[in-house]
Structure formats: C-alpha cells, structure tokens
C-alpha cells in the first residue's frame, strides 16, 4: 500500500540530493579533463552539461519514474499519471530549457536583446519557483514547479528518512549547508583586521613576550628573518620598529589593514622604508 503523506523535508532532501549528485559528476568530469589545454572544453561546456543531465535523466526519471535523490529516499512519481508526453515535457523544462539558456549566454554574449530575454526568462522562472515553494509549504505537494505544472505526484511504499538518520546522507546535507553559511560569513569579514584585534588581546596574556616600548634601530645579520613569513627577507623593508620584513609581506598586510602592527613587538608604523646597511 502506497503512503499518501510524504513529509515536506523528505521531498526537499530528495531535490538536494539530486543537485549534489549532478555537482559530483561535474566535478569528476572536470577532474578527468583538467590536464587538457585550457579553453578546449569552454566552447562546448553547455553541450557537455546537456549530455550529463540527459544521461542522469535517462537512467532515473525515464527508466524508473523517479530521480536518483527520490530513489535514495524510497520516493517515486505516480506512474498512473506519468504519460510519455509528460515525460517529454519534463525533459524539456528541466534539461532542454537550461541548455538553451546556457547556449544563448555563451553564443550571443554581445546581443543585448537575447541577453535581456534570457534574463527576463530567468526572472519569471525564479518568481514561479518562489510562488510554488510557498504553495508547497502550505499543501505539502509538488515541491518543484514542473511537478505542479504537469500534475506529477510523489508516492512511496515506505519512507527511509528515519533509517538515513544514522547514516551519512543527512549529516552530509547538514554539513554542506553549514559550510556554505560559514563561507558566506568569512567572505564578509576582514580577516587581517580580525587577526590584528586578536593579537592585541593576546599580547596581554601572561605567556606572551612583552612588547618593546621603545623600538630600537633595525639590525640585519645572516640570521635575520622576516617578521611575517620567517624566511630570509626579500627586498628588506622596515616600518619603524627594530624588525625587518619582506617588501611584499609588509606592503600586502598594510594594504589590507592600514593599522597593521608588527607581529613581534606590536608596533604600528605609518611608513614603509627600505632597509639600507649602514
């Protein structure tokens, strides 16, 4: 007996698994061709993605009336309502339409009319996805817009989401979303400024070497290393304290953080001077 109620989160997880599978296959394809001459695959990239998506469609929806993500969660489309014509419309909306948009972007980059049409088409599709998602949250049916348009209902003989709780799939989804969130937050942060503030706090800890209040003149010997990268200074420069830096280490840190302090003595210099032997 088929289960009439399927949890919303299970249906959404199936879509997430489908996206992860496609990205995994793309990554494998790029890894297999990474030693080719750069630019060879770029002109035919939309066709390669079309072949990849068609292959996934053939061995999932076309043969089994369910995507790979749905099959992992023991879901499938109601075969009584999935005719051949709907199968072709499903392929056209989910795969052929993506290919046409990608090819238009690649081939007619300078054509303003084509680019505007593609942008408007994507806007209408995004608006339709948002409205369908709001309807799905309320009704619990048709998580994807094409399912609602074609009237494709999901059924299940059993639900394996509970069984997947102790496996890696659910944890993988959670960690993937968490890593994306962390990556977004980090991209908005000033890492160099944060490191400077953290250093200013740590310099008062009891185990830390006390900073020099009055920095002496810099002195360079055969043992001198850069205060940033701890290697022999390349184009030695100073910032007013007794330590020596590589020019690129010092200029890069000062460019990213105007209040950059010496990591050895925490002196904040306002000028970068070339070191010259007396």
Protein backbone atom coordinates (compact mmCIF):
# COMPACT_ATOMS: atom_id res chain seq x y z
CA UNK A 1 0.00 0.00 0.00
CA UNK A 2 1.40 3.37 -1.04
CA UNK A 3 1.92 6.06 1.56
CA UNK A 4 -0.34 9.05 0.92
CA UNK A 5 1.51 11.54 3.16
CA UNK A 6 5.16 12.29 2.50
CA UNK A 7 6.93 14.78 4.84
CA UNK A 8 7.92 18.04 3.21
CA UNK A 9 11.51 17.79 4.44
CA UNK A 10 11.87 14.38 2.78
CA UNK A 11 10.76 15.81 -0.57
CA UNK A 12 13.16 18.74 -0.22
CA UNK A 13 16.02 16.40 0.73
CA UNK A 14 15.41 14.45 -2.48
CA UNK A 15 15.89 17.61 -4.54
CA UNK A 16 19.04 18.47 -2.59
CA UNK A 17 20.47 15.01 -3.25
CA UNK A 18 19.79 15.42 -6.98
CA UNK A 19 21.72 18.69 -7.05
CA UNK A 20 24.62 17.18 -5.12
CA UNK A 21 24.78 14.22 -7.49
CA UNK A 22 24.93 16.48 -10.54
CA UNK A 23 27.67 18.60 -8.97
CA UNK A 24 29.62 15.46 -8.05
CA UNK A 25 29.51 14.14 -11.62
CA UNK A 26 30.52 17.56 -12.97
CA UNK A 27 33.48 17.62 -10.62
CA UNK A 28 34.55 14.16 -11.75
CA UNK A 29 34.31 15.29 -15.39
CA UNK A 30 36.42 18.39 -14.74
CA UNK A 31 39.00 16.35 -12.83
CA UNK A 32 39.26 13.91 -15.74
CA UNK A 33 39.90 16.75 -18.21
CA UNK A 34 41.98 19.11 -16.07
CA UNK A 35 45.21 18.26 -17.92
CA UNK A 36 43.81 19.28 -21.30
CA UNK A 37 44.84 22.57 -22.81
CA UNK A 38 42.91 25.45 -21.19
CA UNK A 39 39.99 26.67 -23.28
CA UNK A 40 39.32 23.43 -25.19
CA UNK A 41 36.17 22.49 -23.26
CA UNK A 42 34.91 26.02 -22.72
CA UNK A 43 33.16 26.40 -26.13
CA UNK A 44 31.29 23.08 -25.72
CA UNK A 45 30.62 23.30 -21.99
CA UNK A 46 26.81 23.68 -22.44
CA UNK A 47 26.77 20.56 -24.63
CA UNK A 48 28.75 18.57 -22.05
CA UNK A 49 26.32 19.58 -19.31
CA UNK A 50 23.44 18.67 -21.63
CA UNK A 51 24.87 15.18 -22.16
CA UNK A 52 25.47 14.74 -18.44
CA UNK A 53 21.94 15.79 -17.49
CA UNK A 54 20.46 13.67 -20.27
CA UNK A 55 22.40 10.64 -19.01
CA UNK A 56 21.08 11.25 -15.48
CA UNK A 57 17.54 11.68 -16.84
CA UNK A 58 17.72 8.50 -18.93
CA UNK A 59 18.72 6.23 -16.05
CA UNK A 60 16.49 7.87 -13.46
CA UNK A 61 13.22 9.51 -14.50
CA UNK A 62 12.95 7.90 -17.94
CA UNK A 63 13.62 4.33 -16.78
CA UNK A 64 12.38 4.33 -13.19
CA UNK A 65 9.97 7.29 -12.98
CA UNK A 66 12.00 8.81 -10.14
CA UNK A 67 15.17 10.83 -9.73
CA UNK A 68 18.21 9.38 -8.01
CA UNK A 69 17.58 11.53 -4.97
CA UNK A 70 13.99 10.33 -4.76
CA UNK A 71 15.10 6.72 -5.16
CA UNK A 72 17.51 7.08 -2.23
CA UNK A 73 14.57 8.14 -0.07
CA UNK A 74 12.21 5.48 -1.50
CA UNK A 75 10.10 8.05 -3.38
CA UNK A 76 8.79 7.85 -6.93
CA UNK A 77 6.31 9.50 -9.23
CA UNK A 78 2.85 8.04 -9.61
CA UNK A 79 3.20 6.01 -12.81
CA UNK A 80 -0.55 6.16 -13.47
CA UNK A 81 -0.25 9.88 -14.08
CA UNK A 82 3.12 9.95 -15.86
CA UNK A 83 2.45 9.60 -19.59
CA UNK A 84 5.00 9.72 -22.41
CA UNK A 85 4.03 13.26 -23.36
CA UNK A 86 4.53 14.44 -19.77
CA UNK A 87 7.92 12.71 -19.77
CA UNK A 88 8.99 14.74 -22.80
CA UNK A 89 7.66 17.97 -21.30
CA UNK A 90 9.55 17.16 -18.09
CA UNK A 91 12.78 16.73 -20.06
CA UNK A 92 12.18 19.94 -21.98
CA UNK A 93 11.60 22.04 -18.86
CA UNK A 94 14.33 20.60 -16.63
CA UNK A 95 17.10 19.96 -19.18
CA UNK A 96 16.48 21.41 -22.66
CA UNK A 97 15.48 24.82 -21.30
CA UNK A 98 18.66 25.02 -19.21
CA UNK A 99 20.74 24.13 -22.26
CA UNK A 100 19.09 26.83 -24.40
CA UNK A 101 19.74 29.46 -21.75
CA UNK A 102 23.38 28.39 -21.34
CA UNK A 103 23.97 28.29 -25.07
CA UNK A 104 22.38 31.73 -25.53
CA UNK A 105 24.68 33.16 -22.86
CA UNK A 106 27.77 31.57 -24.46
CA UNK A 107 26.98 32.27 -28.13
CA UNK A 108 25.19 35.63 -28.04
CA UNK A 109 27.07 37.45 -25.30
CA UNK A 110 27.11 40.73 -27.22
CA UNK A 111 23.46 40.52 -28.32
CA UNK A 112 21.56 42.76 -25.91
CA UNK A 113 18.11 41.55 -26.96
CA UNK A 114 18.97 37.90 -26.41
CA UNK A 115 20.60 38.60 -23.05
CA UNK A 116 17.61 40.66 -21.91
CA UNK A 117 15.23 37.89 -22.99
CA UNK A 118 17.25 35.28 -21.10
CA UNK A 119 17.34 37.49 -18.01
CA UNK A 120 13.57 38.04 -18.14
CA UNK A 121 13.01 34.32 -18.62
CA UNK A 122 15.14 33.53 -15.57
CA UNK A 123 13.28 36.18 -13.56
CA UNK A 124 9.87 34.67 -14.43
CA UNK A 125 11.15 31.19 -13.65
CA UNK A 126 12.55 32.32 -10.30
CA UNK A 127 9.28 34.04 -9.47
CA UNK A 128 7.40 30.86 -10.36
CA UNK A 129 9.72 28.78 -8.16
CA UNK A 130 9.16 31.13 -5.21
CA UNK A 131 5.37 31.07 -5.58
CA UNK A 132 5.38 27.29 -5.99
CA UNK A 133 7.55 26.89 -2.88
CA UNK A 134 5.10 28.96 -0.84
CA UNK A 135 2.26 26.80 -2.14
CA UNK A 136 4.27 23.65 -1.38
CA UNK A 137 4.88 24.75 2.23
CA UNK A 138 1.14 25.06 2.68
CA UNK A 139 -0.07 21.96 0.82
CA UNK A 140 2.92 19.58 1.06
CA UNK A 141 2.61 18.54 -2.60
CA UNK A 142 4.58 19.33 -5.78
CA UNK A 143 7.93 20.59 -4.36
CA UNK A 144 9.15 21.51 -7.87
CA UNK A 145 7.36 23.84 -10.26
CA UNK A 146 7.45 21.37 -13.15
CA UNK A 147 5.72 18.77 -10.94
CA UNK A 148 2.90 21.23 -10.29
CA UNK A 149 2.59 22.19 -13.97
CA UNK A 150 2.42 18.56 -15.13
CA UNK A 151 0.49 17.30 -12.10
CA UNK A 152 3.14 14.76 -11.09
CA UNK A 153 2.51 13.40 -7.60
CA UNK A 154 5.08 11.64 -5.44
CA UNK A 155 4.25 8.32 -3.80
CA UNK A 156 6.17 5.95 -1.54
CA UNK A 157 5.80 2.34 -0.40
CA UNK A 158 7.94 3.18 2.62
CA UNK A 159 9.98 6.08 3.91
CA UNK A 160 13.67 5.57 4.65
CA UNK A 161 14.42 9.01 6.06
CA UNK A 162 14.39 7.59 9.57
CA UNK A 163 16.87 4.92 8.50
CA UNK A 164 19.13 7.57 6.99
CA UNK A 165 19.38 9.47 10.24
CA UNK A 166 22.26 7.27 11.43
CA UNK A 167 23.96 7.27 8.03
CA UNK A 168 25.98 9.92 6.27
CA UNK A 169 23.34 11.40 3.94
CA UNK A 170 21.54 13.57 6.47
CA UNK A 171 24.79 14.64 8.10
CA UNK A 172 26.25 15.43 4.68
CA UNK A 173 23.32 17.71 3.86
CA UNK A 174 23.56 19.50 7.19
CA UNK A 175 27.33 19.96 6.94
CA UNK A 176 27.07 21.15 3.34
CA UNK A 177 24.60 23.90 4.28
CA UNK A 178 26.62 24.79 7.38
CA UNK A 179 29.86 25.10 5.38
CA UNK A 180 28.12 27.34 2.83
CA UNK A 181 26.92 29.56 5.67
CA UNK A 182 30.40 29.74 7.20
CA UNK A 183 31.93 30.52 3.80
CA UNK A 184 29.46 33.37 3.27
CA UNK A 185 30.23 34.82 6.71
CA UNK A 186 34.00 34.57 6.21
CA UNK A 187 33.80 36.32 2.84
CA UNK A 188 32.21 39.32 4.58
CA UNK A 189 34.88 39.51 7.29
CA UNK A 190 38.17 41.39 7.30
CA UNK A 191 40.46 38.53 8.29
CA UNK A 192 43.52 40.74 8.65
CA UNK A 193 41.69 43.23 10.83
CA UNK A 194 40.29 40.43 12.95
CA UNK A 195 43.76 38.91 13.33
CA UNK A 196 45.14 42.26 14.45
CA UNK A 197 42.46 42.68 17.09
CA UNK A 198 43.04 39.14 18.30
CA UNK A 199 46.78 39.80 18.53
CA UNK A 200 46.14 42.96 20.54
CA UNK A 201 44.17 40.88 23.03
CA UNK A 202 46.66 38.02 23.21
CA UNK A 203 49.66 40.27 23.78
CA UNK A 204 48.44 40.93 27.32
CA UNK A 205 48.36 37.24 28.23
CA UNK A 206 50.88 36.06 30.79
CA UNK A 207 52.64 33.61 28.45
CA UNK A 208 53.26 36.20 25.75
CA UNK A 209 56.54 38.05 25.39
CA UNK A 210 56.10 41.64 26.48
CA UNK A 211 56.34 44.13 23.63
CA UNK A 212 59.21 46.54 23.36
CA UNK A 213 58.02 50.02 24.37
CA UNK A 214 60.81 51.89 22.58
CA UNK A 215 61.83 50.06 19.43
CA UNK A 216 65.50 50.26 18.60
CA UNK A 217 67.10 50.63 15.17
CA UNK A 218 66.75 47.63 12.84
CA UNK A 219 69.78 45.39 12.51
CA UNK A 220 70.20 42.76 9.79
CA UNK A 221 72.57 39.79 10.07
CA UNK A 222 72.88 36.43 8.34
CA UNK A 223 70.31 35.06 10.85
CA UNK A 224 67.68 37.76 10.28
CA UNK A 225 64.29 36.56 9.03
CA UNK A 226 61.12 38.38 8.01
CA UNK A 227 58.82 39.10 10.94
CA UNK A 228 55.83 37.88 8.88
CA UNK A 229 56.92 34.83 6.89
CA UNK A 230 60.00 33.84 8.97
CA UNK A 231 62.22 33.41 5.90
CA UNK A 232 65.15 35.43 4.59
CA UNK A 233 63.81 38.94 3.79
CA UNK A 234 63.27 39.63 0.11
CA UNK A 235 63.75 43.36 -0.62
CA UNK A 236 64.14 44.19 3.11
CA UNK A 237 61.90 46.98 4.43
CA UNK A 238 61.05 48.35 7.86
CA UNK A 239 58.07 50.10 9.42
CA UNK A 240 59.73 51.99 12.28
CA UNK A 241 60.46 49.17 14.72
CA UNK A 242 63.57 47.04 15.09
CA UNK A 243 62.24 44.21 12.89
CA UNK A 244 62.75 43.64 9.18
CA UNK A 245 60.13 42.50 6.66
CA UNK A 246 59.93 41.34 3.09
CA UNK A 247 58.63 44.21 0.98
CA UNK A 248 55.69 42.18 -0.32
CA UNK A 249 54.80 40.84 3.15
CA UNK A 250 54.77 44.32 4.64
CA UNK A 251 53.07 46.13 1.78
CA UNK A 252 50.37 43.47 1.40
CA UNK A 253 49.49 43.50 5.10
CA UNK A 254 49.46 47.30 5.18
CA UNK A 255 47.26 47.39 2.10
CA UNK A 256 44.68 45.02 3.64
CA UNK A 257 44.91 46.50 7.14
CA UNK A 258 46.02 50.14 7.50
CA UNK A 259 46.56 49.59 11.25
CA UNK A 260 48.78 46.56 10.73
CA UNK A 261 51.07 46.01 13.76
CA UNK A 262 54.38 44.22 13.83
CA UNK A 263 53.67 40.60 14.85
CA UNK A 264 56.83 40.60 17.01
CA UNK A 265 56.59 43.82 19.02
CA UNK A 266 53.07 45.07 18.08
CA UNK A 267 54.43 48.41 16.91
CA UNK A 268 52.10 50.20 14.49
CA UNK A 269 54.22 52.04 11.95
CA UNK A 270 52.79 54.52 9.50
CA UNK A 271 55.62 54.49 6.97
CA UNK A 272 57.35 51.79 4.95
CA UNK A 273 61.06 52.42 4.45
CA UNK A 274 63.64 50.46 2.52
CA UNK A 275 66.31 48.99 4.76
CA UNK A 276 69.86 50.04 3.95
CA UNK A 277 73.01 48.72 5.56
CA UNK A 278 74.92 51.38 7.45
